[in-house]
């Protein structure tokens, strides 16, 4: 199915991404207030909550978006039938929480053609699920540059896989969010090399706040290296732990007037997760306020 510029604009609108100079990652100027929104990835803090509990806890903590992770207690998988998918969609519609998308483990670097095809085909099944539950996209990852295979060959293979699932996602009004993840593929020069061969407009980068972001040429240099491919999601860890320069990162996102989701992919194990979520939201708001005053 061929898609023209009108279709692309429609897809971008569905995904909640501002369209500026044919680039849906930079939001249009809307004034002094940041358009960044805060949400949760169910990685650790939500992994054992069923769907009603997950939504309720997000509402309690003041979170308005969530990325559902595969194989977690909320049980939103392709095994759901049409009625069950509709129920998931309605639960979100009846709440203040947006189902942003689905966090999959699908990857496209394997030298085994059968394994590669399985990952691509399963991605397509979960794209259908995302549409049915009212989400706007699916997270995937490259995840490795295997030893013994020319790097350039794997990079082309990953890009080809992303182009295929991107075209499929476009027909369902979904976005492919490529997490900066994996051995070697998390390094931004390699991510840039992949995206230089990505031609489908539905495929975007999900910045992931890795230590490798700080490798030469540094955070700002790496950020600028790939910013034209940013989508509508960013993954962060706890904002008040570790040494990652979150204030500098938020300054950079504010500088490009980013209006996407900043999603907490927490790694600690607090006794009271809802209270910890509230604390992270407070830190997020302070970082945004600081960035707006730079």
Protein backbone atom coordinates (compact mmCIF):
# COMPACT_ATOMS: atom_id res chain seq x y z
CA UNK A 1 0.00 0.00 0.00
CA UNK A 2 1.58 3.25 -1.07
CA UNK A 3 1.57 6.14 1.38
CA UNK A 4 1.95 9.76 0.35
CA UNK A 5 2.87 12.85 2.34
CA UNK A 6 -0.72 13.26 3.57
CA UNK A 7 -0.64 9.75 5.03
CA UNK A 8 2.68 10.49 6.72
CA UNK A 9 1.32 13.65 8.34
CA UNK A 10 -1.69 11.68 9.54
CA UNK A 11 0.54 8.98 11.03
CA UNK A 12 2.67 11.57 12.75
CA UNK A 13 -0.43 13.17 14.23
CA UNK A 14 -1.64 9.82 15.54
CA UNK A 15 1.70 9.22 17.19
CA UNK A 16 1.52 12.56 18.96
CA UNK A 17 4.64 13.93 17.30
CA UNK A 18 4.85 17.52 16.10
CA UNK A 19 5.75 17.89 12.44
CA UNK A 20 8.41 20.50 11.69
CA UNK A 21 10.12 20.73 8.31
CA UNK A 22 9.01 17.17 7.52
CA UNK A 23 10.64 16.02 10.75
CA UNK A 24 8.18 14.69 13.35
CA UNK A 25 10.68 14.73 16.20
CA UNK A 26 11.04 18.48 16.67
CA UNK A 27 7.90 20.11 18.02
CA UNK A 28 6.62 23.43 16.81
CA UNK A 29 7.15 26.42 19.07
CA UNK A 30 4.28 26.71 21.51
CA UNK A 31 5.64 29.18 24.04
CA UNK A 32 7.73 29.00 27.18
CA UNK A 33 6.33 25.84 28.75
CA UNK A 34 7.93 22.51 27.88
CA UNK A 35 5.76 20.01 26.04
CA UNK A 36 7.61 17.00 27.45
CA UNK A 37 5.36 14.49 29.21
CA UNK A 38 6.29 11.98 31.92
CA UNK A 39 5.35 8.32 31.96
CA UNK A 40 6.39 4.84 33.03
CA UNK A 41 7.96 1.81 31.41
CA UNK A 42 6.78 -1.28 33.29
CA UNK A 43 10.31 -2.71 33.34
CA UNK A 44 10.70 -3.26 37.12
CA UNK A 45 8.34 -0.98 39.00
CA UNK A 46 5.27 -2.20 37.15
CA UNK A 47 6.22 -5.71 36.12
CA UNK A 48 4.08 -7.50 38.74
CA UNK A 49 1.00 -5.23 38.56
CA UNK A 50 -2.05 -6.44 36.68
CA UNK A 51 -3.57 -3.93 34.29
CA UNK A 52 -6.13 -2.35 36.69
CA UNK A 53 -3.44 -1.96 39.37
CA UNK A 54 -0.93 -0.54 36.88
CA UNK A 55 -3.39 2.10 35.67
CA UNK A 56 -4.52 2.94 39.21
CA UNK A 57 -0.95 3.36 40.47
CA UNK A 58 -0.02 5.56 37.52
CA UNK A 59 -3.03 7.75 38.27
CA UNK A 60 -2.07 7.95 41.97
CA UNK A 61 1.48 9.00 41.07
CA UNK A 62 0.37 11.55 38.48
CA UNK A 63 1.72 9.64 35.47
CA UNK A 64 -0.29 10.09 32.28
CA UNK A 65 1.39 7.52 30.04
CA UNK A 66 2.74 3.99 30.15
CA UNK A 67 4.75 1.72 27.85
CA UNK A 68 3.68 -1.87 28.44
CA UNK A 69 6.56 -4.34 28.59
CA UNK A 70 6.23 -7.86 27.24
CA UNK A 71 5.89 -10.85 29.57
CA UNK A 72 4.74 -8.74 32.53
CA UNK A 73 1.80 -9.30 34.87
CA UNK A 74 -0.52 -6.97 32.97
CA UNK A 75 -0.68 -9.74 30.36
CA UNK A 76 -1.18 -7.64 27.25
CA UNK A 77 0.07 -10.03 24.59
CA UNK A 78 -0.98 -11.22 21.12
CA UNK A 79 -2.77 -14.16 22.75
CA UNK A 80 -5.62 -11.77 23.65
CA UNK A 81 -8.72 -12.19 21.53
CA UNK A 82 -10.64 -9.31 19.95
CA UNK A 83 -12.93 -8.81 22.96
CA UNK A 84 -10.02 -8.81 25.40
CA UNK A 85 -8.12 -6.29 23.27
CA UNK A 86 -11.16 -4.03 23.23
CA UNK A 87 -11.35 -4.29 27.04
CA UNK A 88 -7.72 -3.20 27.36
CA UNK A 89 -8.39 -0.23 25.11
CA UNK A 90 -11.46 0.76 27.10
CA UNK A 91 -9.60 0.55 30.41
CA UNK A 92 -7.16 3.15 29.18
CA UNK A 93 -9.87 5.29 27.60
CA UNK A 94 -11.74 5.35 30.91
CA UNK A 95 -8.61 6.48 32.78
CA UNK A 96 -6.25 9.45 32.70
CA UNK A 97 -3.42 7.19 31.50
CA UNK A 98 -2.40 6.92 27.84
CA UNK A 99 -1.26 3.57 26.48
CA UNK A 100 1.79 4.89 24.65
CA UNK A 101 2.88 1.60 23.19
CA UNK A 102 4.42 -1.77 23.63
CA UNK A 103 7.96 -2.57 24.73
CA UNK A 104 9.04 -5.68 22.85
CA UNK A 105 12.31 -7.59 22.70
CA UNK A 106 12.26 -8.02 18.93
CA UNK A 107 15.65 -7.51 17.27
CA UNK A 108 17.02 -7.73 13.74
CA UNK A 109 20.73 -8.50 14.01
CA UNK A 110 20.74 -12.30 14.03
CA UNK A 111 22.79 -13.96 11.25
CA UNK A 112 20.27 -16.84 11.32
CA UNK A 113 17.72 -16.06 8.57
CA UNK A 114 14.99 -18.08 10.29
CA UNK A 115 15.47 -16.24 13.58
CA UNK A 116 15.52 -12.89 11.82
CA UNK A 117 12.30 -13.69 9.97
CA UNK A 118 10.65 -14.82 13.20
CA UNK A 119 11.48 -11.49 14.87
CA UNK A 120 10.15 -9.50 11.92
CA UNK A 121 6.94 -11.53 11.67
CA UNK A 122 6.31 -11.35 15.43
CA UNK A 123 6.85 -7.59 15.34
CA UNK A 124 4.05 -7.37 12.79
CA UNK A 125 1.69 -9.35 15.04
CA UNK A 126 2.37 -6.99 17.93
CA UNK A 127 1.85 -3.98 15.68
CA UNK A 128 -1.68 -5.29 15.14
CA UNK A 129 -2.05 -5.65 18.92
CA UNK A 130 -0.90 -2.05 19.44
CA UNK A 131 -3.56 -0.79 17.06
CA UNK A 132 -6.26 -2.88 18.74
CA UNK A 133 -5.47 -1.61 22.26
CA UNK A 134 -5.24 2.04 21.23
CA UNK A 135 -1.46 2.39 21.43
CA UNK A 136 0.64 4.38 18.94
CA UNK A 137 3.77 2.28 18.49
CA UNK A 138 6.07 -0.57 19.40
CA UNK A 139 9.59 -0.48 20.81
CA UNK A 140 12.19 -2.74 19.19
CA UNK A 141 15.99 -2.86 19.37
CA UNK A 142 18.99 -3.75 17.20
CA UNK A 143 20.86 -5.27 20.20
CA UNK A 144 24.20 -6.51 18.79
CA UNK A 145 26.81 -6.50 16.05
CA UNK A 146 27.77 -10.21 16.04
CA UNK A 147 31.43 -11.18 15.99
CA UNK A 148 32.81 -12.66 12.79
CA UNK A 149 30.39 -10.80 10.53
CA UNK A 150 31.30 -7.52 8.81
CA UNK A 151 29.73 -4.68 10.76
CA UNK A 152 28.43 -3.08 7.59
CA UNK A 153 26.53 -6.24 6.66
CA UNK A 154 24.73 -6.40 10.00
CA UNK A 155 23.95 -2.69 9.95
CA UNK A 156 22.33 -3.04 6.53
CA UNK A 157 20.38 -6.10 7.70
CA UNK A 158 19.07 -4.22 10.75
CA UNK A 159 18.06 -1.24 8.62
CA UNK A 160 16.33 -3.49 6.10
CA UNK A 161 14.36 -5.16 8.90
CA UNK A 162 13.36 -1.79 10.34
CA UNK A 163 12.23 -0.58 6.92
CA UNK A 164 10.05 -3.65 6.50
CA UNK A 165 8.34 -3.38 9.87
CA UNK A 166 8.13 0.40 9.49
CA UNK A 167 6.17 0.11 6.26
CA UNK A 168 3.87 -2.46 7.88
CA UNK A 169 3.39 -0.24 10.95
CA UNK A 170 2.43 2.71 8.77
CA UNK A 171 -0.56 0.82 7.43
CA UNK A 172 -1.79 0.43 11.03
CA UNK A 173 -1.10 4.01 12.13
CA UNK A 174 1.80 2.90 14.36
CA UNK A 175 5.39 4.02 14.86
CA UNK A 176 8.49 1.82 15.23
CA UNK A 177 10.55 3.09 18.19
CA UNK A 178 14.12 1.80 18.02
CA UNK A 179 15.70 1.73 21.47
CA UNK A 180 19.39 2.67 21.55
CA UNK A 181 20.38 -0.67 23.04
CA UNK A 182 22.75 -3.59 22.87
CA UNK A 183 26.40 -4.51 22.55
CA UNK A 184 27.99 -2.02 20.14
CA UNK A 185 24.61 -0.98 18.72
CA UNK A 186 24.12 1.28 21.74
CA UNK A 187 27.04 3.38 20.55
CA UNK A 188 25.64 6.40 18.74
CA UNK A 189 27.94 6.26 15.68
CA UNK A 190 26.62 2.75 15.00
CA UNK A 191 23.05 3.90 15.57
CA UNK A 192 23.63 6.72 13.10
CA UNK A 193 24.98 4.22 10.56
CA UNK A 194 21.81 2.15 10.90
CA UNK A 195 19.51 5.14 10.48
CA UNK A 196 21.41 6.45 7.50
CA UNK A 197 19.96 3.37 5.75
CA UNK A 198 16.47 3.62 7.27
CA UNK A 199 14.14 5.06 4.66
CA UNK A 200 10.70 4.52 6.19
CA UNK A 201 9.37 7.62 8.00
CA UNK A 202 7.64 5.56 10.70
CA UNK A 203 10.97 4.33 12.16
CA UNK A 204 12.38 6.58 14.90
CA UNK A 205 15.04 6.50 17.62
CA UNK A 206 14.18 6.07 21.28
CA UNK A 207 17.05 7.67 23.25
CA UNK A 208 17.93 5.33 26.14
CA UNK A 209 20.34 7.18 28.50
CA UNK A 210 23.23 4.72 28.24
CA UNK A 211 26.75 5.25 29.59
CA UNK A 212 27.92 5.03 25.98
CA UNK A 213 26.14 8.35 25.32
CA UNK A 214 29.09 9.97 27.10
CA UNK A 215 31.78 8.47 24.87
CA UNK A 216 33.59 10.90 22.53
CA UNK A 217 32.34 13.30 21.23
CA UNK A 218 30.37 13.51 24.48
CA UNK A 219 26.69 13.83 25.30
CA UNK A 220 25.96 16.90 23.19
CA UNK A 221 27.92 15.60 20.23
CA UNK A 222 26.22 12.20 20.33
CA UNK A 223 22.82 13.83 20.84
CA UNK A 224 23.29 16.06 17.82
CA UNK A 225 24.55 13.08 15.79
CA UNK A 226 21.13 11.38 15.86
CA UNK A 227 18.60 14.01 16.93
CA UNK A 228 17.01 14.28 13.48
CA UNK A 229 15.73 10.72 13.91
CA UNK A 230 14.23 11.13 17.39
CA UNK A 231 10.69 9.89 17.81
CA UNK A 232 8.16 10.50 20.56
CA UNK A 233 9.71 8.42 23.37
CA UNK A 234 12.83 8.65 25.55
CA UNK A 235 13.84 6.12 28.21
CA UNK A 236 15.46 7.32 31.41
CA UNK A 237 16.55 5.71 34.64
CA UNK A 238 16.03 7.21 38.12
CA UNK A 239 16.76 10.91 37.76
CA UNK A 240 18.35 11.39 41.17
CA UNK A 241 20.73 8.43 41.24
CA UNK A 242 23.92 7.63 39.36
CA UNK A 243 26.13 9.96 37.38
CA UNK A 244 24.25 10.37 34.11
CA UNK A 245 24.03 14.13 33.33
CA UNK A 246 20.24 14.39 33.20
CA UNK A 247 20.17 18.15 33.56
CA UNK A 248 22.38 18.51 30.50
CA UNK A 249 20.16 16.05 28.62
CA UNK A 250 16.99 17.95 29.52
CA UNK A 251 18.65 21.19 28.46
CA UNK A 252 19.34 19.60 25.07
CA UNK A 253 15.77 18.32 24.66
CA UNK A 254 14.38 21.69 25.71
CA UNK A 255 16.68 23.31 23.16
CA UNK A 256 15.03 21.37 20.30
CA UNK A 257 11.56 21.97 21.75
CA UNK A 258 10.97 18.26 22.19
CA UNK A 259 7.37 17.33 22.98
CA UNK A 260 7.60 13.58 23.37
CA UNK A 261 7.26 11.21 26.30
CA UNK A 262 10.02 10.88 28.90
CA UNK A 263 9.51 7.34 30.21
CA UNK A 264 10.92 6.09 33.50
CA UNK A 265 12.56 2.66 33.12
CA UNK A 266 13.51 2.31 36.78
CA UNK A 267 16.09 -0.22 37.97
CA UNK A 268 15.95 0.06 41.77
CA UNK A 269 13.61 -1.78 44.15
CA UNK A 270 12.00 0.76 46.50
CA UNK A 271 9.66 -0.45 49.23
CA UNK A 272 6.91 1.94 48.13
CA UNK A 273 6.96 2.16 44.35
CA UNK A 274 4.10 4.64 44.04
CA UNK A 275 5.87 7.04 46.43
CA UNK A 276 9.07 6.53 44.44
CA UNK A 277 7.17 7.33 41.23
CA UNK A 278 5.89 10.55 42.80
CA UNK A 279 9.45 11.46 43.78
CA UNK A 280 10.70 10.90 40.23
CA UNK A 281 7.94 13.09 38.83
CA UNK A 282 8.98 15.85 41.21
CA UNK A 283 12.62 15.59 40.09
CA UNK A 284 11.49 15.59 36.44
CA UNK A 285 9.57 18.82 36.96
CA UNK A 286 12.58 20.47 38.61
CA UNK A 287 14.86 19.46 35.74
CA UNK A 288 12.38 20.86 33.23
CA UNK A 289 12.10 24.13 35.16
CA UNK A 290 15.89 24.43 35.28
CA UNK A 291 16.17 23.72 31.56
CA UNK A 292 13.61 26.39 30.71
CA UNK A 293 15.63 28.95 32.67
CA UNK A 294 18.94 28.25 30.93
